[in-house]
Structures are given as C-alpha cells and as structure tokens.
C-alpha cells in the first residue's frame, strides 16, 4: 500500500512535467513561427520597395 501511495504522486509529477514541457514547446514553436512570419513580411516589403524603384 505504501508503494502505491509513493508511486501515484511520481506518476502525476511526470505527467505534469510532460504537459508543462509540451506547453513550453508549443509556445516556443508559436513564437518561432511569429518571428519567421515577421521576417518573411520584412523580406516581402523589401522586395516591394525594390520593385517600385
């Protein structure tokens, strides 16, 4: 019985940690995507400016 009570919290901890990590990864990926979008937009604007000249 003691074994079970010790095992469950660690299981919960592992699950929480995994969820937290996946959330971190997702937010990182979203941030990177936003940065890339901004970068692509900047390139697009530069091209527009060059083509107008």
PDB file of N, CA and C in Angstrom:
ATOM      1  N   UNK A   1       0.841  -1.211   0.000  1.00  0.00           N
ATOM      2  CA  UNK A   1       0.000   0.000   0.000  1.00  0.00           C
ATOM      3  C   UNK A   1       0.876   1.261   0.000  1.00  0.00           C
ATOM      4  N   UNK A   2       1.927   1.223   0.789  1.00  0.00           N
ATOM      5  CA  UNK A   2       2.849   2.370   0.844  1.00  0.00           C
ATOM      6  C   UNK A   2       3.470   2.595  -0.539  1.00  0.00           C
ATOM      7  N   UNK A   3       3.793   1.487  -1.196  1.00  0.00           N
ATOM      8  CA  UNK A   3       4.383   1.540  -2.536  1.00  0.00           C
ATOM      9  C   UNK A   3       3.466   2.297  -3.498  1.00  0.00           C
ATOM     10  N   UNK A   4       2.180   2.002  -3.430  1.00  0.00           N
ATOM     11  CA  UNK A   4       1.199   2.663  -4.309  1.00  0.00           C
ATOM     12  C   UNK A   4       1.132   4.164  -4.049  1.00  0.00           C
ATOM     13  N   UNK A   5       1.065   4.534  -2.777  1.00  0.00           N
ATOM     14  CA  UNK A   5       0.952   5.962  -2.451  1.00  0.00           C
ATOM     15  C   UNK A   5       2.207   6.717  -2.893  1.00  0.00           C
ATOM     16  N   UNK A   6       3.345   6.032  -2.907  1.00  0.00           N
ATOM     17  CA  UNK A   6       4.582   6.673  -3.373  1.00  0.00           C
ATOM     18  C   UNK A   6       4.608   6.753  -4.895  1.00  0.00           C
ATOM     19  N   UNK A   7       4.059   5.744  -5.536  1.00  0.00           N
ATOM     20  CA  UNK A   7       4.101   5.651  -6.994  1.00  0.00           C
ATOM     21  C   UNK A   7       3.184   6.682  -7.652  1.00  0.00           C
ATOM     22  N   UNK A   8       1.987   6.839  -7.121  1.00  0.00           N
ATOM     23  CA  UNK A   8       0.991   7.734  -7.738  1.00  0.00           C
ATOM     24  C   UNK A   8       1.491   9.184  -7.836  1.00  0.00           C
ATOM     25  N   UNK A   9       1.996   9.784  -6.753  1.00  0.00           N
ATOM     26  CA  UNK A   9       2.468  11.174  -6.881  1.00  0.00           C
ATOM     27  C   UNK A   9       3.564  11.337  -7.934  1.00  0.00           C
ATOM     28  N   UNK A  10       4.468  10.360  -8.023  1.00  0.00           N
ATOM     29  CA  UNK A  10       5.527  10.464  -9.030  1.00  0.00           C
ATOM     30  C   UNK A  10       4.943  10.369 -10.431  1.00  0.00           C
ATOM     31  N   UNK A  11       3.950   9.520 -10.608  1.00  0.00           N
ATOM     32  CA  UNK A  11       3.265   9.407 -11.905  1.00  0.00           C
ATOM     33  C   UNK A  11       2.637  10.746 -12.268  1.00  0.00           C
ATOM     34  N   UNK A  12       1.935  11.322 -11.303  1.00  0.00           N
ATOM     35  CA  UNK A  12       1.280  12.624 -11.513  1.00  0.00           C
ATOM     36  C   UNK A  12       2.332  13.686 -11.833  1.00  0.00           C
ATOM     37  N   UNK A  13       3.429  13.659 -11.090  1.00  0.00           N
ATOM     38  CA  UNK A  13       4.516  14.618 -11.312  1.00  0.00           C
ATOM     39  C   UNK A  13       5.057  14.506 -12.733  1.00  0.00           C
ATOM     40  N   UNK A  14       5.288  13.269 -13.157  1.00  0.00           N
ATOM     41  CA  UNK A  14       5.821  13.021 -14.507  1.00  0.00           C
ATOM     42  C   UNK A  14       4.850  13.552 -15.557  1.00  0.00           C
ATOM     43  N   UNK A  15       3.561  13.268 -15.368  1.00  0.00           N
ATOM     44  CA  UNK A  15       2.536  13.721 -16.321  1.00  0.00           C
ATOM     45  C   UNK A  15       2.509  15.247 -16.377  1.00  0.00           C
ATOM     46  N   UNK A  16       2.532  15.885 -15.200  1.00  0.00           N
ATOM     47  CA  UNK A  16       2.504  17.356 -15.133  1.00  0.00           C
ATOM     48  C   UNK A  16       3.741  17.918 -15.838  1.00  0.00           C
ATOM     49  N   UNK A  17       4.899  17.329 -15.554  1.00  0.00           N
ATOM     50  CA  UNK A  17       6.143  17.794 -16.175  1.00  0.00           C
ATOM     51  C   UNK A  17       6.070  17.664 -17.686  1.00  0.00           C
ATOM     52  N   UNK A  18       5.559  16.524 -18.163  1.00  0.00           N
ATOM     53  CA  UNK A  18       5.448  16.307 -19.608  1.00  0.00           C
ATOM     54  C   UNK A  18       4.501  17.328 -20.227  1.00  0.00           C
ATOM     55  N   UNK A  19       3.367  17.565 -19.565  1.00  0.00           N
ATOM     56  CA  UNK A  19       2.400  18.552 -20.065  1.00  0.00           C
ATOM     57  C   UNK A  19       3.044  19.928 -20.111  1.00  0.00           C
ATOM     58  N   UNK A  20       3.775  20.271 -19.053  1.00  0.00           N
ATOM     59  CA  UNK A  20       4.429  21.575 -18.969  1.00  0.00           C
ATOM     60  C   UNK A  20       5.445  21.724 -20.101  1.00  0.00           C
ATOM     61  N   UNK A  21       6.226  20.656 -20.316  1.00  0.00           N
ATOM     62  CA  UNK A  21       7.236  20.687 -21.378  1.00  0.00           C
ATOM     63  C   UNK A  21       6.590  20.833 -22.746  1.00  0.00           C
ATOM     64  N   UNK A  22       5.510  20.084 -22.971  1.00  0.00           N
ATOM     65  CA  UNK A  22       4.844  20.164 -24.279  1.00  0.00           C
ATOM     66  C   UNK A  22       4.240  21.555 -24.477  1.00  0.00           C
ATOM     67  N   UNK A  23       3.729  22.144 -23.394  1.00  0.00           N
ATOM     68  CA  UNK A  23       3.192  23.509 -23.477  1.00  0.00           C
ATOM     69  C   UNK A  23       4.316  24.483 -23.811  1.00  0.00           C
ATOM     70  N   UNK A  24       5.462  24.314 -23.150  1.00  0.00           N
ATOM     71  CA  UNK A  24       6.620  25.165 -23.409  1.00  0.00           C
ATOM     72  C   UNK A  24       7.025  25.042 -24.874  1.00  0.00           C
ATOM     73  N   UNK A  25       7.105  23.788 -25.357  1.00  0.00           N
ATOM     74  CA  UNK A  25       7.494  23.542 -26.746  1.00  0.00           C
ATOM     75  C   UNK A  25       6.521  24.218 -27.698  1.00  0.00           C
ATOM     76  N   UNK A  26       5.226  24.068 -27.416  1.00  0.00           N
ATOM     77  CA  UNK A  26       4.204  24.653 -28.290  1.00  0.00           C
ATOM     78  C   UNK A  26       4.337  26.169 -28.333  1.00  0.00           C
ATOM     79  N   UNK A  27       4.537  26.788 -27.172  1.00  0.00           N
ATOM     80  CA  UNK A  27       4.658  28.248 -27.140  1.00  0.00           C
ATOM     81  C   UNK A  27       5.943  28.688 -27.847  1.00  0.00           C
ATOM     82  N   UNK A  28       7.011  27.886 -27.702  1.00  0.00           N
ATOM     83  CA  UNK A  28       8.263  28.191 -28.395  1.00  0.00           C
ATOM     84  C   UNK A  28       8.053  28.128 -29.907  1.00  0.00           C
ATOM     85  N   UNK A  29       7.380  27.059 -30.354  1.00  0.00           N
ATOM     86  CA  UNK A  29       7.118  26.880 -31.785  1.00  0.00           C
ATOM     87  C   UNK A  29       6.285  28.049 -32.309  1.00  0.00           C
ATOM     88  N   UNK A  30       5.275  28.455 -31.533  1.00  0.00           N
ATOM     89  CA  UNK A  30       4.426  29.576 -31.948  1.00  0.00           C
ATOM     90  C   UNK A  30       5.246  30.854 -32.048  1.00  0.00           C
ATOM     91  N   UNK A  31       6.133  31.078 -31.066  1.00  0.00           N
ATOM     92  CA  UNK A  31       6.977  32.271 -31.074  1.00  0.00           C
ATOM     93  C   UNK A  31       7.876  32.271 -32.302  1.00  0.00           C
ATOM     94  N   UNK A  32       8.484  31.114 -32.574  1.00  0.00           N
ATOM     95  CA  UNK A  32       9.374  30.989 -33.734  1.00  0.00           C
ATOM     96  C   UNK A  32       8.600  31.261 -35.018  1.00  0.00           C
ATOM     97  N   UNK A  33       7.381  30.705 -35.104  1.00  0.00           N
ATOM     98  CA  UNK A  33       6.539  30.922 -36.289  1.00  0.00           C
ATOM     99  C   UNK A  33       6.241  32.407 -36.461  1.00  0.00           C
ATOM    100  N   UNK A  34       5.928  33.085 -35.355  1.00  0.00           N
ATOM    101  CA  UNK A  34       5.632  34.523 -35.409  1.00  0.00           C
ATOM    102  C   UNK A  34       6.847  35.290 -35.904  1.00  0.00           C
ATOM    103  N   UNK A  35       8.021  34.937 -35.368  1.00  0.00           N
ATOM    104  CA  UNK A  35       9.264  35.603 -35.766  1.00  0.00           C
ATOM    105  C   UNK A  35       9.502  35.393 -37.259  1.00  0.00           C
ATOM    106  N   UNK A  36       9.322  34.148 -37.714  1.00  0.00           N
ATOM    107  CA  UNK A  36       9.525  33.833 -39.131  1.00  0.00           C
ATOM    108  C   UNK A  36       8.541  34.600 -40.000  1.00  0.00           C
ATOM    109  N   UNK A  37       7.289  34.691 -39.546  1.00  0.00           N
ATOM    110  CA  UNK A  37       6.269  35.438 -40.303  1.00  0.00           C
ATOM    111  C   UNK A  37       6.696  36.890 -40.446  1.00  0.00           C
ATOM    112  N   UNK A  38       7.142  37.477 -39.351  1.00  0.00           N
ATOM    113  CA  UNK A  38       7.605  38.860 -39.369  1.00  0.00           C
ATOM    114  C   UNK A  38       8.785  39.025 -40.310  1.00  0.00           C
ATOM    115  N   UNK A  39       9.691  38.046 -40.271  1.00  0.00           N
ATOM    116  CA  UNK A  39      10.884  38.078 -41.123  1.00  0.00           C
ATOM    117  C   UNK A  39      10.490  37.991 -42.592  1.00  0.00           C
ATOM    118  N   UNK A  40       9.591  37.061 -42.915  1.00  0.00           N
ATOM    119  CA  UNK A  40       9.119  36.900 -44.296  1.00  0.00           C
ATOM    120  C   UNK A  40       8.431  38.180 -44.763  1.00  0.00           C
ATOM    121  N   UNK A  41       7.642  38.789 -43.894  1.00  0.00           N
ATOM    122  CA  UNK A  41       6.935  40.021 -44.238  1.00  0.00           C
ATOM    123  C   UNK A  41       7.944  41.122 -44.545  1.00  0.00           C
ATOM    124  N   UNK A  42       9.010  41.178 -43.739  1.00  0.00           N
ATOM    125  CA  UNK A  42      10.065  42.175 -43.938  1.00  0.00           C
ATOM    126  C   UNK A  42      10.704  41.985 -45.312  1.00  0.00           C
ATOM    127  N   UNK A  43      11.003  40.746 -45.657  1.00  0.00           N
ATOM    128  CA  UNK A  43      11.604  40.430 -46.964  1.00  0.00           C
ATOM    129  C   UNK A  43      10.641  40.838 -48.080  1.00  0.00           C
ATOM    130  N   UNK A  44       9.371  40.520 -47.885  1.00  0.00           N
ATOM    131  CA  UNK A  44       8.340  40.854 -48.870  1.00  0.00           C
ATOM    132  C   UNK A  44       8.284  42.363 -49.077  1.00  0.00           C
ATOM    133  N   UNK A  45       8.317  43.117 -47.972  1.00  0.00           N
ATOM    134  CA  UNK A  45       8.288  44.583 -48.056  1.00  0.00           C
ATOM    135  C   UNK A  45       9.511  45.099 -48.805  1.00  0.00           C
ATOM    136  N   UNK A  46      10.680  44.527 -48.488  1.00  0.00           N
ATOM    137  CA  UNK A  46      11.920  44.930 -49.161  1.00  0.00           C
ATOM    138  C   UNK A  46      11.807  44.697 -50.665  1.00  0.00           C
ATOM    139  N   UNK A  47      11.270  43.552 -51.046  1.00  0.00           N
ATOM    140  CA  UNK A  47      11.111  43.221 -52.464  1.00  0.00           C
ATOM    141  C   UNK A  47      10.180  44.222 -53.136  1.00  0.00           C
ATOM    142  N   UNK A  48       9.089  44.578 -52.446  1.00  0.00           N
ATOM    143  CA  UNK A  48       8.123  45.541 -52.984  1.00  0.00           C
ATOM    144  C   UNK A  48       8.820  46.879 -53.219  1.00  0.00           C
ATOM    145  N   UNK A  49       9.598  47.312 -52.244  1.00  0.00           N
ATOM    146  CA  UNK A  49      10.307  48.596 -52.337  1.00  0.00           C
ATOM    147  C   UNK A  49      11.276  48.565 -53.517  1.00  0.00           C
ATOM    148  N   UNK A  50      12.023  47.446 -53.642  1.00  0.00           N
ATOM    149  CA  UNK A  50      12.999  47.326 -54.730  1.00  0.00           C
ATOM    150  C   UNK A  50      12.316  47.307 -56.100  1.00  0.00           C
ATOM    151  N   UNK A  51      11.189  46.646 -56.187  1.00  0.00           N
ATOM    152  CA  UNK A  51      10.494  46.550 -57.480  1.00  0.00           C
ATOM    153  C   UNK A  51       9.878  47.896 -57.875  1.00  0.00           C
ATOM    154  N   UNK A  52       9.561  48.736 -56.894  1.00  0.00           N
ATOM    155  CA  UNK A  52       8.977  50.053 -57.184  1.00  0.00           C
ATOM    156  C   UNK A  52      10.044  51.030 -57.668  1.00  0.00           C
ATOM    157  N   UNK A  53      11.293  50.824 -57.256  1.00  0.00           N
ATOM    158  CA  UNK A  53      12.374  51.751 -57.617  1.00  0.00           C
ATOM    159  C   UNK A  53      12.750  51.619 -59.086  1.00  0.00           C
TER     160      UNK A  53
END
